[in-house]
Amino acid sequence: MRNNPSLYDKDPLLWSEQQVDVLRRRAFAELDLENVIDEIESVGLSELKTVISHLRWAMTHELKIIAWPKSRDVPHWQAESRSHRDDAIDTYTPSMVQRIDVEQIYQRAKRALPETLDDVSPLPVPEHSPWTLDDLLKE
């Protein structure tokens, strides 16, 4: 936060409404250009992070199915995986392909697995991702 907070810092909603008004009036000289640039940049990054997060959660649930295939929670994990994959599909855009590292996401999903589940140790899971980005984004 800045020493002398601007409207952007104090009330982002009001700031954004004012910036939209400035743009609609085409009064470009009145734009808070630095913050507009930051906000536009953050929109794209936020969308990318959302897709990556959904893919990680989908993989985590799929890994639980592999690690504990006899668990009573398998149907729940299947549903959760489908839901996260659907959400990733809804947000994904082709420009993200170069920025999504499936192997890195997979390794994070593996680290998220519990050591045991209901006092049952996991079966081995693949060392590397068995899925490609195309696999994960199939409907």
N, C-alpha and C. Protein backbone atom coordinates (compact mmCIF):
# COMPACT_ATOMS: atom_id res chain seq x y z
N MET A 1 0.85 -1.18 0.00
CA MET A 1 0.00 0.00 0.00
C MET A 1 0.89 1.23 0.00
N ARG A 2 0.49 2.21 -0.73
CA ARG A 2 1.27 3.44 -0.86
C ARG A 2 1.09 4.33 0.37
N ASN A 3 2.04 5.32 0.55
CA ASN A 3 1.96 6.25 1.67
C ASN A 3 0.68 7.08 1.60
N ASN A 4 0.33 7.54 0.42
CA ASN A 4 -0.88 8.32 0.21
C ASN A 4 -1.79 7.49 -0.69
N PRO A 5 -2.63 6.67 -0.10
CA PRO A 5 -3.42 5.73 -0.90
C PRO A 5 -4.32 6.44 -1.91
N SER A 6 -4.30 5.90 -3.12
CA SER A 6 -5.15 6.41 -4.18
C SER A 6 -6.50 5.70 -4.13
N LEU A 7 -7.41 6.13 -4.95
CA LEU A 7 -8.71 5.46 -5.04
C LEU A 7 -8.51 3.99 -5.42
N TYR A 8 -7.55 3.73 -6.26
CA TYR A 8 -7.23 2.34 -6.66
C TYR A 8 -6.95 1.49 -5.42
N ASP A 9 -6.22 2.06 -4.45
CA ASP A 9 -5.87 1.33 -3.23
C ASP A 9 -7.03 1.26 -2.25
N LYS A 10 -7.81 2.33 -2.15
CA LYS A 10 -8.87 2.43 -1.15
C LYS A 10 -10.17 1.75 -1.56
N ASP A 11 -10.53 1.86 -2.84
CA ASP A 11 -11.83 1.33 -3.29
C ASP A 11 -11.70 0.83 -4.73
N PRO A 12 -11.15 -0.37 -4.91
CA PRO A 12 -10.92 -0.90 -6.26
C PRO A 12 -12.19 -0.97 -7.12
N LEU A 13 -13.33 -1.25 -6.50
CA LEU A 13 -14.57 -1.32 -7.26
C LEU A 13 -14.91 0.05 -7.85
N LEU A 14 -14.91 1.06 -7.01
CA LEU A 14 -15.20 2.41 -7.50
C LEU A 14 -14.17 2.85 -8.52
N TRP A 15 -12.89 2.55 -8.25
CA TRP A 15 -11.83 2.89 -9.21
C TRP A 15 -12.11 2.25 -10.57
N SER A 16 -12.46 0.95 -10.57
CA SER A 16 -12.70 0.26 -11.85
C SER A 16 -13.90 0.85 -12.58
N GLU A 17 -14.95 1.20 -11.83
CA GLU A 17 -16.13 1.81 -12.46
C GLU A 17 -15.77 3.15 -13.09
N GLN A 18 -14.95 3.92 -12.40
CA GLN A 18 -14.52 5.21 -12.95
C GLN A 18 -13.65 5.03 -14.19
N GLN A 19 -12.79 4.03 -14.18
CA GLN A 19 -11.93 3.79 -15.33
C GLN A 19 -12.75 3.34 -16.55
N VAL A 20 -13.77 2.54 -16.31
CA VAL A 20 -14.68 2.14 -17.39
C VAL A 20 -15.38 3.36 -17.97
N ASP A 21 -15.85 4.24 -17.09
CA ASP A 21 -16.49 5.47 -17.54
C ASP A 21 -15.53 6.31 -18.39
N VAL A 22 -14.30 6.44 -17.93
CA VAL A 22 -13.28 7.20 -18.68
C VAL A 22 -13.08 6.58 -20.07
N LEU A 23 -12.99 5.26 -20.12
CA LEU A 23 -12.80 4.58 -21.41
C LEU A 23 -14.02 4.76 -22.31
N ARG A 24 -15.19 4.63 -21.76
CA ARG A 24 -16.40 4.79 -22.58
C ARG A 24 -16.54 6.21 -23.12
N ARG A 25 -16.10 7.17 -22.34
CA ARG A 25 -16.13 8.57 -22.80
C ARG A 25 -14.95 8.88 -23.71
N ARG A 26 -14.05 7.90 -23.82
CA ARG A 26 -12.83 8.08 -24.61
C ARG A 26 -12.00 9.28 -24.14
N ALA A 27 -12.02 9.48 -22.84
CA ALA A 27 -11.25 10.57 -22.21
C ALA A 27 -9.92 9.98 -21.73
N PHE A 28 -9.14 9.48 -22.68
CA PHE A 28 -7.94 8.70 -22.37
C PHE A 28 -6.93 9.43 -21.50
N ALA A 29 -6.88 10.72 -21.56
CA ALA A 29 -5.94 11.48 -20.73
C ALA A 29 -6.26 11.34 -19.25
N GLU A 30 -7.49 10.97 -18.91
CA GLU A 30 -7.90 10.83 -17.51
C GLU A 30 -7.62 9.43 -16.96
N LEU A 31 -7.16 8.52 -17.80
CA LEU A 31 -6.92 7.14 -17.34
C LEU A 31 -5.81 7.07 -16.31
N ASP A 32 -6.00 6.20 -15.35
CA ASP A 32 -4.95 5.83 -14.40
C ASP A 32 -4.17 4.71 -15.09
N LEU A 33 -3.35 5.10 -16.04
CA LEU A 33 -2.74 4.16 -16.99
C LEU A 33 -1.90 3.07 -16.32
N GLU A 34 -1.07 3.42 -15.35
CA GLU A 34 -0.22 2.41 -14.71
C GLU A 34 -1.06 1.32 -14.05
N ASN A 35 -2.09 1.70 -13.34
CA ASN A 35 -2.92 0.70 -12.67
C ASN A 35 -3.79 -0.06 -13.66
N VAL A 36 -4.23 0.59 -14.74
CA VAL A 36 -4.99 -0.11 -15.78
C VAL A 36 -4.11 -1.19 -16.41
N ILE A 37 -2.87 -0.85 -16.70
CA ILE A 37 -1.93 -1.82 -17.28
C ILE A 37 -1.74 -3.00 -16.31
N ASP A 38 -1.52 -2.70 -15.03
CA ASP A 38 -1.35 -3.77 -14.04
C ASP A 38 -2.57 -4.68 -13.96
N GLU A 39 -3.74 -4.07 -14.01
CA GLU A 39 -4.97 -4.86 -13.91
C GLU A 39 -5.17 -5.75 -15.13
N ILE A 40 -4.91 -5.22 -16.31
CA ILE A 40 -5.06 -6.03 -17.52
C ILE A 40 -4.08 -7.20 -17.49
N GLU A 41 -2.87 -6.93 -17.08
CA GLU A 41 -1.87 -8.00 -16.98
C GLU A 41 -2.31 -9.06 -15.96
N SER A 42 -2.86 -8.62 -14.85
CA SER A 42 -3.24 -9.57 -13.80
C SER A 42 -4.43 -10.44 -14.21
N VAL A 43 -5.28 -9.93 -15.09
CA VAL A 43 -6.42 -10.74 -15.56
C VAL A 43 -5.93 -11.99 -16.26
N GLY A 44 -5.00 -11.83 -17.18
CA GLY A 44 -4.47 -12.99 -17.91
C GLY A 44 -3.76 -13.96 -16.99
N LEU A 45 -2.93 -13.44 -16.10
CA LEU A 45 -2.20 -14.32 -15.18
C LEU A 45 -3.15 -15.04 -14.23
N SER A 46 -4.19 -14.37 -13.82
CA SER A 46 -5.18 -14.99 -12.94
C SER A 46 -5.88 -16.16 -13.65
N GLU A 47 -6.22 -15.96 -14.90
CA GLU A 47 -6.87 -17.04 -15.67
C GLU A 47 -5.93 -18.24 -15.79
N LEU A 48 -4.65 -17.98 -16.08
CA LEU A 48 -3.66 -19.05 -16.20
C LEU A 48 -3.52 -19.80 -14.88
N LYS A 49 -3.42 -19.06 -13.78
CA LYS A 49 -3.29 -19.70 -12.47
C LYS A 49 -4.52 -20.52 -12.13
N THR A 50 -5.68 -20.06 -12.55
CA THR A 50 -6.92 -20.81 -12.31
C THR A 50 -6.89 -22.16 -13.03
N VAL A 51 -6.48 -22.15 -14.29
CA VAL A 51 -6.41 -23.40 -15.05
C VAL A 51 -5.41 -24.35 -14.40
N ILE A 52 -4.24 -23.84 -14.05
CA ILE A 52 -3.21 -24.68 -13.43
C ILE A 52 -3.73 -25.27 -12.12
N SER A 53 -4.40 -24.47 -11.32
CA SER A 53 -4.94 -24.96 -10.05
C SER A 53 -5.96 -26.07 -10.28
N HIS A 54 -6.86 -25.89 -11.23
CA HIS A 54 -7.86 -26.93 -11.51
C HIS A 54 -7.19 -28.21 -12.01
N LEU A 55 -6.17 -28.08 -12.85
CA LEU A 55 -5.48 -29.27 -13.34
C LEU A 55 -4.77 -29.99 -12.20
N ARG A 56 -4.16 -29.24 -11.29
CA ARG A 56 -3.49 -29.86 -10.14
C ARG A 56 -4.49 -30.62 -9.27
N TRP A 57 -5.65 -30.01 -9.01
CA TRP A 57 -6.65 -30.70 -8.20
C TRP A 57 -7.20 -31.93 -8.92
N ALA A 58 -7.39 -31.83 -10.23
CA ALA A 58 -7.86 -33.00 -10.99
C ALA A 58 -6.85 -34.13 -10.89
N MET A 59 -5.57 -33.79 -11.07
CA MET A 59 -4.52 -34.81 -10.97
C MET A 59 -4.45 -35.41 -9.57
N THR A 60 -4.58 -34.58 -8.56
CA THR A 60 -4.53 -35.07 -7.18
C THR A 60 -5.62 -36.11 -6.95
N HIS A 61 -6.82 -35.83 -7.42
CA HIS A 61 -7.92 -36.79 -7.26
C HIS A 61 -7.68 -38.05 -8.07
N GLU A 62 -7.15 -37.90 -9.27
CA GLU A 62 -6.83 -39.09 -10.08
C GLU A 62 -5.75 -39.93 -9.41
N LEU A 63 -4.76 -39.27 -8.83
CA LEU A 63 -3.71 -40.00 -8.13
C LEU A 63 -4.24 -40.73 -6.90
N LYS A 64 -5.20 -40.15 -6.22
CA LYS A 64 -5.81 -40.84 -5.08
C LYS A 64 -6.49 -42.12 -5.56
N ILE A 65 -7.12 -42.06 -6.72
CA ILE A 65 -7.79 -43.25 -7.27
C ILE A 65 -6.76 -44.33 -7.57
N ILE A 66 -5.61 -43.92 -8.12
CA ILE A 66 -4.54 -44.89 -8.41
C ILE A 66 -3.96 -45.45 -7.11
N ALA A 67 -3.74 -44.58 -6.14
CA ALA A 67 -3.08 -44.98 -4.90
C ALA A 67 -3.98 -45.78 -3.96
N TRP A 68 -5.26 -45.49 -3.97
CA TRP A 68 -6.21 -46.18 -3.08
C TRP A 68 -7.44 -46.62 -3.89
N PRO A 69 -7.26 -47.54 -4.84
CA PRO A 69 -8.36 -47.91 -5.74
C PRO A 69 -9.55 -48.60 -5.05
N LYS A 70 -9.34 -49.11 -3.85
CA LYS A 70 -10.42 -49.80 -3.14
C LYS A 70 -11.13 -48.90 -2.13
N SER A 71 -10.73 -47.65 -2.08
CA SER A 71 -11.35 -46.73 -1.13
C SER A 71 -12.81 -46.48 -1.48
N ARG A 72 -13.62 -46.30 -0.45
CA ARG A 72 -15.03 -45.96 -0.66
C ARG A 72 -15.17 -44.57 -1.28
N ASP A 73 -14.09 -43.77 -1.24
CA ASP A 73 -14.13 -42.41 -1.77
C ASP A 73 -13.85 -42.31 -3.27
N VAL A 74 -13.56 -43.41 -3.92
CA VAL A 74 -13.24 -43.38 -5.35
C VAL A 74 -14.32 -42.66 -6.18
N PRO A 75 -15.60 -42.96 -6.00
CA PRO A 75 -16.61 -42.25 -6.79
C PRO A 75 -16.57 -40.72 -6.56
N HIS A 76 -16.34 -40.33 -5.32
CA HIS A 76 -16.23 -38.90 -5.01
C HIS A 76 -15.02 -38.29 -5.72
N TRP A 77 -13.88 -38.97 -5.67
CA TRP A 77 -12.67 -38.47 -6.33
C TRP A 77 -12.87 -38.38 -7.84
N GLN A 78 -13.56 -39.36 -8.41
CA GLN A 78 -13.84 -39.31 -9.85
C GLN A 78 -14.67 -38.07 -10.19
N ALA A 79 -15.69 -37.82 -9.39
CA ALA A 79 -16.55 -36.65 -9.62
C ALA A 79 -15.76 -35.35 -9.45
N GLU A 80 -14.92 -35.29 -8.42
CA GLU A 80 -14.11 -34.09 -8.19
C GLU A 80 -13.13 -33.86 -9.35
N SER A 81 -12.51 -34.92 -9.83
CA SER A 81 -11.59 -34.80 -10.95
C SER A 81 -12.31 -34.28 -12.19
N ARG A 82 -13.47 -34.84 -12.48
CA ARG A 82 -14.25 -34.37 -13.64
C ARG A 82 -14.62 -32.91 -13.48
N SER A 83 -15.04 -32.53 -12.29
CA SER A 83 -15.45 -31.15 -12.04
C SER A 83 -14.28 -30.18 -12.25
N HIS A 84 -13.11 -30.53 -11.73
CA HIS A 84 -11.94 -29.65 -11.89
C HIS A 84 -11.47 -29.62 -13.35
N ARG A 85 -11.55 -30.75 -14.02
CA ARG A 85 -11.18 -30.75 -15.45
C ARG A 85 -12.15 -29.89 -16.25
N ASP A 86 -13.44 -30.00 -15.96
CA ASP A 86 -14.44 -29.17 -16.64
C ASP A 86 -14.17 -27.68 -16.40
N ASP A 87 -13.84 -27.34 -15.15
CA ASP A 87 -13.54 -25.93 -14.85
C ASP A 87 -12.28 -25.47 -15.58
N ALA A 88 -11.29 -26.35 -15.68
CA ALA A 88 -10.07 -26.00 -16.44
C ALA A 88 -10.40 -25.80 -17.91
N ILE A 89 -11.22 -26.67 -18.46
CA ILE A 89 -11.63 -26.56 -19.86
C ILE A 89 -12.36 -25.24 -20.11
N ASP A 90 -13.22 -24.86 -19.18
CA ASP A 90 -13.99 -23.63 -19.34
C ASP A 90 -13.11 -22.38 -19.37
N THR A 91 -11.98 -22.42 -18.67
CA THR A 91 -11.12 -21.25 -18.55
C THR A 91 -9.94 -21.28 -19.51
N TYR A 92 -9.56 -22.45 -19.96
CA TYR A 92 -8.38 -22.62 -20.82
C TYR A 92 -8.53 -21.89 -22.15
N THR A 93 -7.42 -21.29 -22.58
CA THR A 93 -7.34 -20.71 -23.92
C THR A 93 -6.07 -21.23 -24.58
N PRO A 94 -6.05 -21.33 -25.91
CA PRO A 94 -4.88 -21.89 -26.60
C PRO A 94 -3.56 -21.18 -26.30
N SER A 95 -3.60 -19.89 -25.96
CA SER A 95 -2.34 -19.18 -25.69
C SER A 95 -1.68 -19.67 -24.40
N MET A 96 -2.38 -20.45 -23.60
CA MET A 96 -1.82 -20.95 -22.34
C MET A 96 -0.92 -22.17 -22.53
N VAL A 97 -1.01 -22.82 -23.68
CA VAL A 97 -0.33 -24.10 -23.87
C VAL A 97 1.17 -24.01 -23.57
N GLN A 98 1.82 -22.94 -23.96
CA GLN A 98 3.26 -22.80 -23.73
C GLN A 98 3.60 -22.49 -22.27
N ARG A 99 2.61 -22.12 -21.50
CA ARG A 99 2.86 -21.71 -20.11
C ARG A 99 2.43 -22.75 -19.09
N ILE A 100 1.88 -23.85 -19.57
CA ILE A 100 1.42 -24.90 -18.65
C ILE A 100 2.41 -26.06 -18.72
N ASP A 101 3.07 -26.31 -17.59
CA ASP A 101 4.04 -27.39 -17.46
C ASP A 101 3.35 -28.55 -16.74
N VAL A 102 2.86 -29.49 -17.52
CA VAL A 102 2.09 -30.61 -16.96
C VAL A 102 2.92 -31.40 -15.96
N GLU A 103 4.19 -31.61 -16.25
CA GLU A 103 5.03 -32.38 -15.33
C GLU A 103 5.20 -31.67 -13.99
N GLN A 104 5.37 -30.36 -14.02
CA GLN A 104 5.48 -29.60 -12.78
C GLN A 104 4.18 -29.68 -11.97
N ILE A 105 3.07 -29.55 -12.66
CA ILE A 105 1.77 -29.65 -11.99
C ILE A 105 1.62 -31.04 -11.38
N TYR A 106 2.03 -32.05 -12.12
CA TYR A 106 1.93 -33.43 -11.64
C TYR A 106 2.75 -33.65 -10.37
N GLN A 107 3.97 -33.13 -10.38
CA GLN A 107 4.83 -33.30 -9.20
C GLN A 107 4.21 -32.62 -7.97
N ARG A 108 3.57 -31.49 -8.18
CA ARG A 108 2.89 -30.82 -7.07
C ARG A 108 1.67 -31.63 -6.60
N ALA A 109 0.97 -32.22 -7.55
CA ALA A 109 -0.17 -33.07 -7.18
C ALA A 109 0.30 -34.28 -6.38
N LYS A 110 1.42 -34.86 -6.78
CA LYS A 110 1.96 -36.00 -6.02
C LYS A 110 2.32 -35.59 -4.59
N ARG A 111 2.91 -34.41 -4.45
CA ARG A 111 3.29 -33.94 -3.11
C ARG A 111 2.06 -33.70 -2.23
N ALA A 112 0.91 -33.47 -2.86
CA ALA A 112 -0.31 -33.19 -2.10
C ALA A 112 -0.97 -34.47 -1.57
N LEU A 113 -0.50 -35.62 -2.03
CA LEU A 113 -1.10 -36.87 -1.57
C LEU A 113 -0.78 -37.11 -0.10
N PRO A 114 -1.75 -37.63 0.65
CA PRO A 114 -1.45 -37.96 2.05
C PRO A 114 -0.55 -39.18 2.14
N GLU A 115 0.13 -39.30 3.28
CA GLU A 115 1.02 -40.45 3.51
C GLU A 115 0.21 -41.75 3.61
N THR A 116 -0.94 -41.64 4.26
CA THR A 116 -1.85 -42.78 4.39
C THR A 116 -3.27 -42.25 4.29
N LEU A 117 -4.19 -43.16 4.04
CA LEU A 117 -5.60 -42.80 4.01
C LEU A 117 -6.35 -43.88 4.76
N ASP A 118 -7.02 -43.51 5.82
CA ASP A 118 -7.70 -44.48 6.69
C ASP A 118 -6.72 -45.58 7.11
N ASP A 119 -5.51 -45.20 7.46
CA ASP A 119 -4.45 -46.11 7.90
C ASP A 119 -3.99 -47.09 6.82
N VAL A 120 -4.28 -46.77 5.56
CA VAL A 120 -3.85 -47.60 4.45
C VAL A 120 -2.77 -46.85 3.68
N SER A 121 -1.64 -47.51 3.45
CA SER A 121 -0.57 -46.91 2.65
C SER A 121 -0.98 -46.90 1.19
N PRO A 122 -0.49 -45.94 0.43
CA PRO A 122 -0.87 -45.87 -0.98
C PRO A 122 -0.15 -46.92 -1.82
N LEU A 123 -0.79 -47.32 -2.89
CA LEU A 123 -0.11 -48.11 -3.91
C LEU A 123 0.81 -47.14 -4.66
N PRO A 124 1.82 -47.65 -5.34
CA PRO A 124 2.73 -46.75 -6.07
C PRO A 124 1.98 -45.98 -7.16
N VAL A 125 2.41 -44.74 -7.34
CA VAL A 125 1.87 -43.92 -8.43
C VAL A 125 3.01 -43.68 -9.42
N PRO A 126 2.70 -43.38 -10.67
CA PRO A 126 3.76 -43.14 -11.65
C PRO A 126 4.71 -42.02 -11.22
N GLU A 127 5.99 -42.20 -11.53
CA GLU A 127 6.98 -41.18 -11.19
C GLU A 127 6.74 -39.89 -11.97
N HIS A 128 6.33 -40.04 -13.23
CA HIS A 128 6.08 -38.89 -14.09
C HIS A 128 4.62 -38.91 -14.55
N SER A 129 4.17 -37.78 -14.98
CA SER A 129 2.76 -37.64 -15.36
C SER A 129 2.37 -38.63 -16.46
N PRO A 130 1.33 -39.41 -16.21
CA PRO A 130 0.82 -40.29 -17.26
C PRO A 130 -0.11 -39.53 -18.22
N TRP A 131 -0.37 -38.25 -17.92
CA TRP A 131 -1.31 -37.47 -18.70
C TRP A 131 -0.62 -36.34 -19.44
N THR A 132 -1.11 -36.06 -20.63
CA THR A 132 -0.69 -34.88 -21.38
C THR A 132 -1.72 -33.79 -21.13
N LEU A 133 -1.40 -32.60 -21.55
CA LEU A 133 -2.38 -31.52 -21.43
C LEU A 133 -3.64 -31.85 -22.22
N ASP A 134 -3.48 -32.43 -23.40
CA ASP A 134 -4.65 -32.81 -24.19
C ASP A 134 -5.51 -33.83 -23.45
N ASP A 135 -4.87 -34.80 -22.78
CA ASP A 135 -5.62 -35.79 -21.98
C ASP A 135 -6.46 -35.10 -20.92
N LEU A 136 -5.85 -34.14 -20.24
CA LEU A 136 -6.53 -33.47 -19.13
C LEU A 136 -7.66 -32.57 -19.59
N LEU A 137 -7.54 -32.06 -20.80
CA LEU A 137 -8.54 -31.11 -21.30
C LEU A 137 -9.60 -31.74 -22.19
N LYS A 138 -9.62 -33.08 -22.26
CA LYS A 138 -10.66 -33.76 -23.00
C LYS A 138 -11.96 -33.69 -22.22
N GLU A 139 -13.06 -33.48 -22.93
CA GLU A 139 -14.37 -33.44 -22.25
C GLU A 139 -14.80 -34.85 -21.90
